Amino acid sequence: MWDVDADGQKSSAPVVSPAAAMTAGLLQLQEQALLTRKVRCLHVGNVPGTATPERLRDFVNCLMVRDELVTAPGDSVLKVANPDRIPNAT
């Protein structure tokens, strides 16, 4: 029977394979990442036109390490989006 354990006692919780548990955990993490994406985005303004996305990413990553704001090894900034610049109204 599916609801009885190896000793013949009624099981209170269904048996879940390790692979199924890992898959469920990964799906939960992906869902959480999607829900919190806007919260994790940092919008920076007043950046000169000479700043490249790579230099901006490196700059913020260095500051995060310097000020001990990182919790794990690796870069904190993964992607820098550079929207089309609005021409100056002069």
Protein backbone atom coordinates (compact mmCIF):
# COMPACT_ATOMS: atom_id res chain seq x y z
CA MET A 1 0.00 0.00 0.00
CA TRP A 2 1.16 3.51 -0.71
CA ASP A 3 0.32 4.93 2.73
CA VAL A 4 2.15 2.28 4.78
CA ASP A 5 5.88 2.44 5.57
CA ALA A 6 8.33 -0.47 5.60
CA ASP A 7 7.27 -1.52 9.14
CA GLY A 8 3.59 -1.70 8.19
CA GLN A 9 2.75 1.49 10.07
CA LYS A 10 0.57 4.12 8.45
CA SER A 11 2.80 6.84 7.05
CA SER A 12 1.93 10.40 7.98
CA ALA A 13 3.85 12.08 5.16
CA PRO A 14 4.30 11.01 1.57
CA VAL A 15 7.77 9.82 0.59
CA VAL A 16 9.45 12.25 -1.80
CA SER A 17 12.50 11.28 -3.79
CA PRO A 18 15.60 13.47 -3.38
CA ALA A 19 15.48 14.42 -7.07
CA ALA A 20 11.86 15.54 -6.79
CA ALA A 21 12.63 17.54 -3.65
CA MET A 22 15.58 19.23 -5.36
CA THR A 23 13.51 20.06 -8.44
CA ALA A 24 10.75 21.52 -6.30
CA GLY A 25 13.30 23.61 -4.38
CA LEU A 26 14.85 24.93 -7.59
CA LEU A 27 11.45 25.82 -9.00
CA GLN A 28 10.62 27.69 -5.80
CA LEU A 29 13.90 29.64 -6.02
CA GLN A 30 13.23 30.55 -9.66
CA GLU A 31 9.74 31.73 -8.81
CA GLN A 32 11.07 33.84 -5.93
CA ALA A 33 13.74 35.34 -8.21
CA LEU A 34 11.10 36.36 -10.73
CA LEU A 35 8.91 37.91 -8.06
CA THR A 36 11.74 39.91 -6.50
CA ARG A 37 13.47 41.02 -9.72
CA LYS A 38 12.24 44.61 -9.59
CA VAL A 39 13.30 44.88 -5.97
CA ARG A 40 16.81 43.69 -6.83
CA CYS A 41 17.29 46.14 -9.74
CA LEU A 42 19.30 49.29 -9.15
CA HIS A 43 18.65 52.27 -11.41
CA VAL A 44 21.52 54.76 -11.63
CA GLY A 45 21.08 58.17 -13.18
CA ASN A 46 23.26 61.17 -13.93
CA VAL A 47 25.95 59.00 -15.51
CA PRO A 48 28.17 60.73 -18.08
CA GLY A 49 28.00 59.53 -21.66
CA THR A 50 31.63 58.44 -21.48
CA ALA A 51 30.83 55.73 -18.91
CA THR A 52 30.60 52.30 -20.52
CA PRO A 53 28.40 49.57 -19.05
CA GLU A 54 31.53 47.54 -18.25
CA ARG A 55 33.17 50.41 -16.33
CA LEU A 56 29.95 51.09 -14.41
CA ARG A 57 29.61 47.39 -13.50
CA ASP A 58 33.25 47.19 -12.35
CA PHE A 59 32.90 50.41 -10.35
CA VAL A 60 29.82 49.24 -8.44
CA ASN A 61 31.30 45.78 -7.84
CA CYS A 62 34.48 47.34 -6.38
CA LEU A 63 32.44 49.58 -4.08
CA MET A 64 30.31 46.65 -2.89
CA VAL A 65 33.45 44.71 -1.92
CA ARG A 66 35.15 47.76 -0.38
CA ASP A 67 32.16 48.59 1.82
CA GLU A 68 31.62 44.89 2.73
CA LEU A 69 28.13 44.78 1.24
CA VAL A 70 28.59 41.40 -0.43
CA THR A 71 27.54 38.13 1.18
CA ALA A 72 29.13 35.67 -1.24
CA PRO A 73 32.12 35.57 -3.55
CA GLY A 74 31.64 36.80 -7.10
CA ASP A 75 30.29 39.91 -8.73
CA SER A 76 27.21 41.59 -7.29
CA VAL A 77 26.31 43.32 -10.55
CA LEU A 78 25.53 40.79 -13.24
CA LYS A 79 24.15 42.98 -16.00
CA VAL A 80 24.15 46.66 -16.87
CA ALA A 81 21.35 47.79 -19.14
CA ASN A 82 22.16 50.90 -21.13
CA PRO A 83 18.90 52.33 -22.53
CA ASP A 84 19.03 54.68 -25.49
CA ARG A 85 20.24 58.05 -24.35
CA ILE A 86 17.90 61.01 -24.62
CA PRO A 87 19.60 63.82 -26.54
CA ASN A 88 20.36 66.94 -24.53
CA ALA A 89 17.86 69.73 -25.02
CA THR A 90 20.20 72.64 -25.61
